[in-house]
PDB file of all heavy atoms in Angstrom:
ATOM      1  N   PRO A   1     100.307 112.424  95.939  1.00  0.00           N
ATOM      2  CA  PRO A   1     100.129 112.229  94.502  1.00  0.00           C
ATOM      3  C   PRO A   1      98.980 113.048  93.922  1.00  0.00           C
ATOM      4  O   PRO A   1      97.821 112.691  94.069  1.00  0.00           O
ATOM      5  CB  PRO A   1      99.829 110.726  94.402  1.00  0.00           C
ATOM      6  CG  PRO A   1      99.137 110.417  95.709  1.00  0.00           C
ATOM      7  CD  PRO A   1      99.772 111.301  96.735  1.00  0.00           C
ATOM      8  N   TRP A   2      99.322 114.165  93.272  1.00  0.00           N
ATOM      9  CA  TRP A   2      98.297 114.897  92.546  1.00  0.00           C
ATOM     10  C   TRP A   2      98.635 115.012  91.057  1.00  0.00           C
ATOM     11  O   TRP A   2      97.793 115.349  90.259  1.00  0.00           O
ATOM     12  CB  TRP A   2      98.077 116.299  93.133  1.00  0.00           C
ATOM     13  CG  TRP A   2      99.227 117.235  92.932  1.00  0.00           C
ATOM     14  CD1 TRP A   2      99.594 117.856  91.763  1.00  0.00           C
ATOM     15  CD2 TRP A   2     100.153 117.665  93.918  1.00  0.00           C
ATOM     16  NE1 TRP A   2     100.694 118.643  91.964  1.00  0.00           N
ATOM     17  CE2 TRP A   2     101.061 118.553  93.287  1.00  0.00           C
ATOM     18  CE3 TRP A   2     100.300 117.413  95.288  1.00  0.00           C
ATOM     19  CZ2 TRP A   2     102.100 119.154  93.966  1.00  0.00           C
ATOM     20  CZ3 TRP A   2     101.342 118.024  95.955  1.00  0.00           C
ATOM     21  CH2 TRP A   2     102.224 118.878  95.317  1.00  0.00           C
ATOM     22  N   ASP A   3      99.876 114.722  90.706  1.00  0.00           N
ATOM     23  CA  ASP A   3     100.303 114.818  89.321  1.00  0.00           C
ATOM     24  C   ASP A   3     100.633 113.429  88.796  1.00  0.00           C
ATOM     25  O   ASP A   3     101.272 112.621  89.494  1.00  0.00           O
ATOM     26  CB  ASP A   3     101.534 115.727  89.221  1.00  0.00           C
ATOM     27  CG  ASP A   3     101.896 116.034  87.783  1.00  0.00           C
ATOM     28  OD1 ASP A   3     101.237 116.898  87.179  1.00  0.00           O
ATOM     29  OD2 ASP A   3     102.832 115.400  87.252  1.00  0.00           O
ATOM     30  N   LEU A   4     100.223 113.133  87.566  1.00  0.00           N
ATOM     31  CA  LEU A   4     100.483 111.811  86.991  1.00  0.00           C
ATOM     32  C   LEU A   4     101.964 111.489  86.929  1.00  0.00           C
ATOM     33  O   LEU A   4     102.357 110.321  86.884  1.00  0.00           O
ATOM     34  CB  LEU A   4      99.881 111.732  85.582  1.00  0.00           C
ATOM     35  CG  LEU A   4      98.356 111.855  85.467  1.00  0.00           C
ATOM     36  CD1 LEU A   4      97.938 111.808  84.000  1.00  0.00           C
ATOM     37  CD2 LEU A   4      97.648 110.766  86.250  1.00  0.00           C
ATOM     38  N   GLY A   5     102.797 112.523  86.967  1.00  0.00           N
ATOM     39  CA  GLY A   5     104.238 112.307  86.900  1.00  0.00           C
ATOM     40  C   GLY A   5     104.796 111.462  88.025  1.00  0.00           C
ATOM     41  O   GLY A   5     105.857 110.842  87.866  1.00  0.00           O
ATOM     42  N   CYS A   6     104.094 111.405  89.158  1.00  0.00           N
ATOM     43  CA  CYS A   6     104.604 110.593  90.267  1.00  0.00           C
ATOM     44  C   CYS A   6     104.670 109.125  89.883  1.00  0.00           C
ATOM     45  O   CYS A   6     105.506 108.373  90.406  1.00  0.00           O
ATOM     46  CB  CYS A   6     103.778 110.803  91.534  1.00  0.00           C
ATOM     47  SG  CYS A   6     102.096 110.155  91.478  1.00  0.00           S
ATOM     48  N   LEU A   7     103.805 108.685  88.960  1.00  0.00           N
ATOM     49  CA  LEU A   7     103.829 107.305  88.463  1.00  0.00           C
ATOM     50  C   LEU A   7     104.501 107.195  87.101  1.00  0.00           C
ATOM     51  O   LEU A   7     105.269 106.263  86.846  1.00  0.00           O
ATOM     52  CB  LEU A   7     102.417 106.741  88.403  1.00  0.00           C
ATOM     53  CG  LEU A   7     101.724 106.528  89.754  1.00  0.00           C
ATOM     54  CD1 LEU A   7     100.302 106.040  89.559  1.00  0.00           C
ATOM     55  CD2 LEU A   7     102.498 105.547  90.626  1.00  0.00           C
ATOM     56  N   LEU A   8     104.241 108.145  86.211  1.00  0.00           N
ATOM     57  CA  LEU A   8     104.860 108.097  84.891  1.00  0.00           C
ATOM     58  C   LEU A   8     106.379 108.124  84.991  1.00  0.00           C
ATOM     59  O   LEU A   8     107.073 107.483  84.195  1.00  0.00           O
ATOM     60  CB  LEU A   8     104.362 109.272  84.043  1.00  0.00           C
ATOM     61  CG  LEU A   8     102.883 109.244  83.643  1.00  0.00           C
ATOM     62  CD1 LEU A   8     102.498 110.545  82.946  1.00  0.00           C
ATOM     63  CD2 LEU A   8     102.574 108.045  82.759  1.00  0.00           C
ATOM     64  N   SER A   9     106.911 108.858  85.979  1.00  0.00           N
ATOM     65  CA  SER A   9     108.363 108.925  86.151  1.00  0.00           C
ATOM     66  C   SER A   9     108.956 107.584  86.570  1.00  0.00           C
ATOM     67  O   SER A   9     110.172 107.388  86.494  1.00  0.00           O
ATOM     68  CB  SER A   9     108.721 109.997  87.184  1.00  0.00           C
ATOM     69  OG  SER A   9     108.239 109.644  88.473  1.00  0.00           O
ATOM     70  N   LEU A  10     108.103 106.650  87.002  1.00  0.00           N
ATOM     71  CA  LEU A  10     108.548 105.317  87.409  1.00  0.00           C
ATOM     72  C   LEU A  10     108.286 104.280  86.314  1.00  0.00           C
ATOM     73  O   LEU A  10     108.491 103.077  86.525  1.00  0.00           O
ATOM     74  CB  LEU A  10     107.819 104.892  88.692  1.00  0.00           C
ATOM     75  CG  LEU A  10     107.924 105.849  89.873  1.00  0.00           C
ATOM     76  CD1 LEU A  10     107.074 105.352  91.031  1.00  0.00           C
ATOM     77  CD2 LEU A  10     109.371 106.019  90.299  1.00  0.00           C
ATOM     78  N   GLY A  11     107.810 104.742  85.169  1.00  0.00           N
ATOM     79  CA  GLY A  11     107.496 103.819  84.092  1.00  0.00           C
ATOM     80  C   GLY A  11     106.158 103.133  84.239  1.00  0.00           C
ATOM     81  O   GLY A  11     105.880 102.131  83.568  1.00  0.00           O
ATOM     82  N   ILE A  12     105.292 103.659  85.119  1.00  0.00           N
ATOM     83  CA  ILE A  12     103.962 103.087  85.339  1.00  0.00           C
ATOM     84  C   ILE A  12     102.923 103.987  84.694  1.00  0.00           C
ATOM     85  O   ILE A  12     102.859 105.184  84.998  1.00  0.00           O
ATOM     86  CB  ILE A  12     103.666 102.940  86.848  1.00  0.00           C
ATOM     87  CG1 ILE A  12     104.664 101.980  87.497  1.00  0.00           C
ATOM     88  CG2 ILE A  12     102.232 102.457  87.074  1.00  0.00           C
ATOM     89  CD1 ILE A  12     104.564 101.928  89.010  1.00  0.00           C
ATOM     90  N   ASP A  13     102.114 103.424  83.810  1.00  0.00           N
ATOM     91  CA  ASP A  13     101.037 104.176  83.171  1.00  0.00           C
ATOM     92  C   ASP A  13      99.772 104.021  84.015  1.00  0.00           C
ATOM     93  O   ASP A  13      99.121 102.970  83.983  1.00  0.00           O
ATOM     94  CB  ASP A  13     100.801 103.647  81.759  1.00  0.00           C
ATOM     95  CG  ASP A  13      99.667 104.388  81.045  1.00  0.00           C
ATOM     96  OD1 ASP A  13      99.113 105.343  81.630  1.00  0.00           O
ATOM     97  OD2 ASP A  13      99.336 104.001  79.912  1.00  0.00           O
ATOM     98  N   PRO A  14      99.395 105.046  84.769  1.00  0.00           N
ATOM     99  CA  PRO A  14      98.229 104.894  85.649  1.00  0.00           C
ATOM    100  C   PRO A  14      96.941 104.624  84.890  1.00  0.00           C
ATOM    101  O   PRO A  14      96.054 103.935  85.403  1.00  0.00           O
ATOM    102  CB  PRO A  14      98.173 106.233  86.401  1.00  0.00           C
ATOM    103  CG  PRO A  14      98.952 107.186  85.562  1.00  0.00           C
ATOM    104  CD  PRO A  14     100.001 106.388  84.880  1.00  0.00           C
ATOM    105  N   ALA A  15      96.830 105.139  83.679  1.00  0.00           N
ATOM    106  CA  ALA A  15      95.601 104.939  82.909  1.00  0.00           C
ATOM    107  C   ALA A  15      95.398 103.479  82.517  1.00  0.00           C
ATOM    108  O   ALA A  15      94.279 103.074  82.171  1.00  0.00           O
ATOM    109  CB  ALA A  15      95.627 105.815  81.660  1.00  0.00           C
ATOM    110  N   ALA A  16      96.475 102.688  82.586  1.00  0.00           N
ATOM    111  CA  ALA A  16      96.382 101.271  82.210  1.00  0.00           C
ATOM    112  C   ALA A  16      96.108 100.361  83.401  1.00  0.00           C
ATOM    113  O   ALA A  16      95.958  99.147  83.230  1.00  0.00           O
ATOM    114  CB  ALA A  16      97.679 100.840  81.525  1.00  0.00           C
ATOM    115  N   LYS A  17      96.024 100.913  84.615  1.00  0.00           N
ATOM    116  CA  LYS A  17      95.812 100.097  85.809  1.00  0.00           C
ATOM    117  C   LYS A  17      94.323  99.980  86.131  1.00  0.00           C
ATOM    118  O   LYS A  17      93.535 100.897  85.872  1.00  0.00           O
ATOM    119  CB  LYS A  17      96.533 100.707  87.013  1.00  0.00           C
ATOM    120  CG  LYS A  17      98.031 100.903  86.819  1.00  0.00           C
ATOM    121  CD  LYS A  17      98.770  99.608  86.581  1.00  0.00           C
ATOM    122  CE  LYS A  17      98.792  98.716  87.802  1.00  0.00           C
ATOM    123  NZ  LYS A  17      99.661  97.517  87.590  1.00  0.00           N
ATOM    124  N   LYS A  18      93.933  98.857  86.726  1.00  0.00           N
ATOM    125  CA  LYS A  18      92.543  98.694  87.180  1.00  0.00           C
ATOM    126  C   LYS A  18      92.303  99.510  88.444  1.00  0.00           C
ATOM    127  O   LYS A  18      91.266 100.175  88.574  1.00  0.00           O
ATOM    128  CB  LYS A  18      92.271  97.202  87.461  1.00  0.00           C
ATOM    129  CG  LYS A  18      90.890  96.917  88.086  1.00  0.00           C
ATOM    130  CD  LYS A  18      89.753  97.177  87.139  1.00  0.00           C
ATOM    131  CE  LYS A  18      88.393  96.892  87.782  1.00  0.00           C
ATOM    132  NZ  LYS A  18      88.164  95.482  88.093  1.00  0.00           N
ATOM    133  N   TYR A  19      93.257  99.444  89.372  1.00  0.00           N
ATOM    134  CA  TYR A  19      93.110 100.158  90.641  1.00  0.00           C
ATOM    135  C   TYR A  19      94.344 101.021  90.915  1.00  0.00           C
ATOM    136  O   TYR A  19      95.479 100.582  90.685  1.00  0.00           O
ATOM    137  CB  TYR A  19      92.933  99.178  91.807  1.00  0.00           C
ATOM    138  CG  TYR A  19      91.703  98.302  91.712  1.00  0.00           C
ATOM    139  CD1 TYR A  19      91.807  96.973  91.298  1.00  0.00           C
ATOM    140  CD2 TYR A  19      90.449  98.807  92.030  1.00  0.00           C
ATOM    141  CE1 TYR A  19      90.687  96.163  91.206  1.00  0.00           C
ATOM    142  CE2 TYR A  19      89.315  97.998  91.946  1.00  0.00           C
ATOM    143  CZ  TYR A  19      89.436  96.682  91.536  1.00  0.00           C
ATOM    144  OH  TYR A  19      88.325  95.889  91.437  1.00  0.00           O
ATOM    145  N   ILE A  20      94.105 102.225  91.423  1.00  0.00           N
ATOM    146  CA  ILE A  20      95.186 103.119  91.825  1.00  0.00           C
ATOM    147  C   ILE A  20      94.899 103.579  93.250  1.00  0.00           C
ATOM    148  O   ILE A  20      93.935 104.311  93.491  1.00  0.00           O
ATOM    149  CB  ILE A  20      95.282 104.352  90.904  1.00  0.00           C
ATOM    150  CG1 ILE A  20      95.380 103.938  89.441  1.00  0.00           C
ATOM    151  CG2 ILE A  20      96.496 105.200  91.296  1.00  0.00           C
ATOM    152  CD1 ILE A  20      95.227 105.110  88.474  1.00  0.00           C
ATOM    153  N   MET A  21      95.699 103.099  94.200  1.00  0.00           N
ATOM    154  CA  MET A  21      95.547 103.553  95.578  1.00  0.00           C
ATOM    155  C   MET A  21      96.396 104.804  95.775  1.00  0.00           C
ATOM    156  O   MET A  21      97.602 104.800  95.521  1.00  0.00           O
ATOM    157  CB  MET A  21      96.007 102.477  96.564  1.00  0.00           C
ATOM    158  CG  MET A  21      95.656 102.798  98.021  1.00  0.00           C
ATOM    159  SD  MET A  21      96.723 101.960  99.237  1.00  0.00           S
ATOM    160  CE  MET A  21      98.018 103.199  99.453  1.00  0.00           C
ATOM    161  N   LEU A  22      95.770 105.885  96.211  1.00  0.00           N
ATOM    162  CA  LEU A  22      96.450 107.161  96.400  1.00  0.00           C
ATOM    163  C   LEU A  22      96.267 107.652  97.823  1.00  0.00           C
ATOM    164  O   LEU A  22      95.140 107.696  98.325  1.00  0.00           O
ATOM    165  CB  LEU A  22      95.891 108.212  95.431  1.00  0.00           C
ATOM    166  CG  LEU A  22      96.007 107.920  93.935  1.00  0.00           C
ATOM    167  CD1 LEU A  22      95.249 108.975  93.143  1.00  0.00           C
ATOM    168  CD2 LEU A  22      97.472 107.873  93.516  1.00  0.00           C
ATOM    169  N   LYS A  23      97.352 108.030  98.448  1.00  0.00           N
ATOM    170  CA  LYS A  23      97.259 108.652  99.776  1.00  0.00           C
ATOM    171  C   LYS A  23      97.011 110.139  99.583  1.00  0.00           C
ATOM    172  O   LYS A  23      97.931 110.961  99.609  1.00  0.00           O
ATOM    173  CB  LYS A  23      98.531 108.372 100.584  1.00  0.00           C
ATOM    174  CG  LYS A  23      98.587 106.938 101.121  1.00  0.00           C
ATOM    175  CD  LYS A  23      99.808 106.720 101.990  1.00  0.00           C
ATOM    176  CE  LYS A  23      99.793 105.334 102.627  1.00  0.00           C
ATOM    177  NZ  LYS A  23      98.814 105.201 103.722  1.00  0.00           N
ATOM    178  N   SER A  24      95.738 110.460  99.354  1.00  0.00           N
ATOM    179  CA  SER A  24      95.346 111.822  99.028  1.00  0.00           C
ATOM    180  C   SER A  24      93.910 112.046  99.464  1.00  0.00           C
ATOM    181  O   SER A  24      93.136 111.095  99.604  1.00  0.00           O
ATOM    182  CB  SER A  24      95.500 112.059  97.522  1.00  0.00           C
ATOM    183  OG  SER A  24      95.128 113.378  97.168  1.00  0.00           O
ATOM    184  N   ARG A  25      93.565 113.316  99.653  1.00  0.00           N
ATOM    185  CA  ARG A  25      92.188 113.669 100.005  1.00  0.00           C
ATOM    186  C   ARG A  25      91.449 114.262  98.804  1.00  0.00           C
ATOM    187  O   ARG A  25      90.520 113.677  98.268  1.00  0.00           O
ATOM    188  CB  ARG A  25      92.197 114.681 101.154  1.00  0.00           C
ATOM    189  CG  ARG A  25      92.539 114.053 102.507  1.00  0.00           C
ATOM    190  CD  ARG A  25      92.706 115.141 103.539  1.00  0.00           C
ATOM    191  NE  ARG A  25      92.186 114.730 104.831  1.00  0.00           N
ATOM    192  CZ  ARG A  25      92.201 115.490 105.921  1.00  0.00           C
ATOM    193  NH1 ARG A  25      92.713 116.696 105.878  1.00  0.00           N
ATOM    194  NH2 ARG A  25      91.712 115.039 107.054  1.00  0.00           N
ATOM    195  N   ILE A  26      91.862 115.435  98.357  1.00  0.00           N
ATOM    196  CA  ILE A  26      91.195 116.130  97.257  1.00  0.00           C
ATOM    197  C   ILE A  26      92.175 116.495  96.141  1.00  0.00           C
ATOM    198  O   ILE A  26      91.809 116.519  94.963  1.00  0.00           O
ATOM    199  CB  ILE A  26      90.494 117.421  97.750  1.00  0.00           C
ATOM    200  CG1 ILE A  26      89.472 117.099  98.846  1.00  0.00           C
ATOM    201  CG2 ILE A  26      89.833 118.152  96.601  1.00  0.00           C
ATOM    202  CD1 ILE A  26      88.256 116.336  98.383  1.00  0.00           C
ATOM    203  N   HIS A  27      93.438 116.748  96.485  1.00  0.00           N
ATOM    204  CA  HIS A  27      94.404 117.200  95.479  1.00  0.00           C
ATOM    205  C   HIS A  27      94.584 116.206  94.328  1.00  0.00           C
ATOM    206  O   HIS A  27      94.971 116.605  93.219  1.00  0.00           O
ATOM    207  CB  HIS A  27      95.761 117.489  96.119  1.00  0.00           C
ATOM    208  CG  HIS A  27      95.833 118.819  96.802  1.00  0.00           C
ATOM    209  ND1 HIS A  27      95.196 119.933  96.313  1.00  0.00           N
ATOM    210  CD2 HIS A  27      96.500 119.223  97.927  1.00  0.00           C
ATOM    211  CE1 HIS A  27      95.444 120.968  97.117  1.00  0.00           C
ATOM    212  NE2 HIS A  27      96.218 120.559  98.096  1.00  0.00           N
ATOM    213  N   TYR A  28      94.316 114.940  94.572  1.00  0.00           N
ATOM    214  CA  TYR A  28      94.441 113.941  93.503  1.00  0.00           C
ATOM    215  C   TYR A  28      93.639 114.344  92.269  1.00  0.00           C
ATOM    216  O   TYR A  28      93.953 113.952  91.137  1.00  0.00           O
ATOM    217  CB  TYR A  28      93.953 112.574  93.998  1.00  0.00           C
ATOM    218  CG  TYR A  28      92.448 112.482  94.069  1.00  0.00           C
ATOM    219  CD1 TYR A  28      91.705 112.041  92.975  1.00  0.00           C
ATOM    220  CD2 TYR A  28      91.754 112.891  95.211  1.00  0.00           C
ATOM    221  CE1 TYR A  28      90.315 112.005  93.014  1.00  0.00           C
ATOM    222  CE2 TYR A  28      90.379 112.859  95.257  1.00  0.00           C
ATOM    223  CZ  TYR A  28      89.660 112.422  94.167  1.00  0.00           C
ATOM    224  OH  TYR A  28      88.287 112.409  94.211  1.00  0.00           O
ATOM    225  N   ARG A  29      92.592 115.131  92.476  1.00  0.00           N
ATOM    226  CA  ARG A  29      91.702 115.489  91.367  1.00  0.00           C
ATOM    227  C   ARG A  29      92.435 116.278  90.281  1.00  0.00           C
ATOM    228  O   ARG A  29      92.028 116.245  89.119  1.00  0.00           O
ATOM    229  CB  ARG A  29      90.521 116.310  91.890  1.00  0.00           C
ATOM    230  CG  ARG A  29      89.621 115.531  92.838  1.00  0.00           C
ATOM    231  CD  ARG A  29      88.487 116.399  93.355  1.00  0.00           C
ATOM    232  NE  ARG A  29      87.629 115.668  94.282  1.00  0.00           N
ATOM    233  CZ  ARG A  29      86.593 116.193  94.915  1.00  0.00           C
ATOM    234  NH1 ARG A  29      86.264 117.463  94.693  1.00  0.00           N
ATOM    235  NH2 ARG A  29      85.867 115.469  95.743  1.00  0.00           N
ATOM    236  N   ALA A  30      93.497 116.987  90.658  1.00  0.00           N
ATOM    237  CA  ALA A  30      94.200 117.814  89.676  1.00  0.00           C
ATOM    238  C   ALA A  30      94.721 116.986  88.517  1.00  0.00           C
ATOM    239  O   ALA A  30      94.599 117.378  87.351  1.00  0.00           O
ATOM    240  CB  ALA A  30      95.350 118.564  90.354  1.00  0.00           C
TER     241      ALA A  30
END
C-alpha cells in the first residue's frame, strides 16, 4: 500500500480512520 487508491477503491476513506495498519516500509510515504 503506497497509494490511497488501495483503500479508496474499497469505499474506505483512510483520512477518516484513527489507525491505519500498512504492510509497508518506506513506500507508504508516497
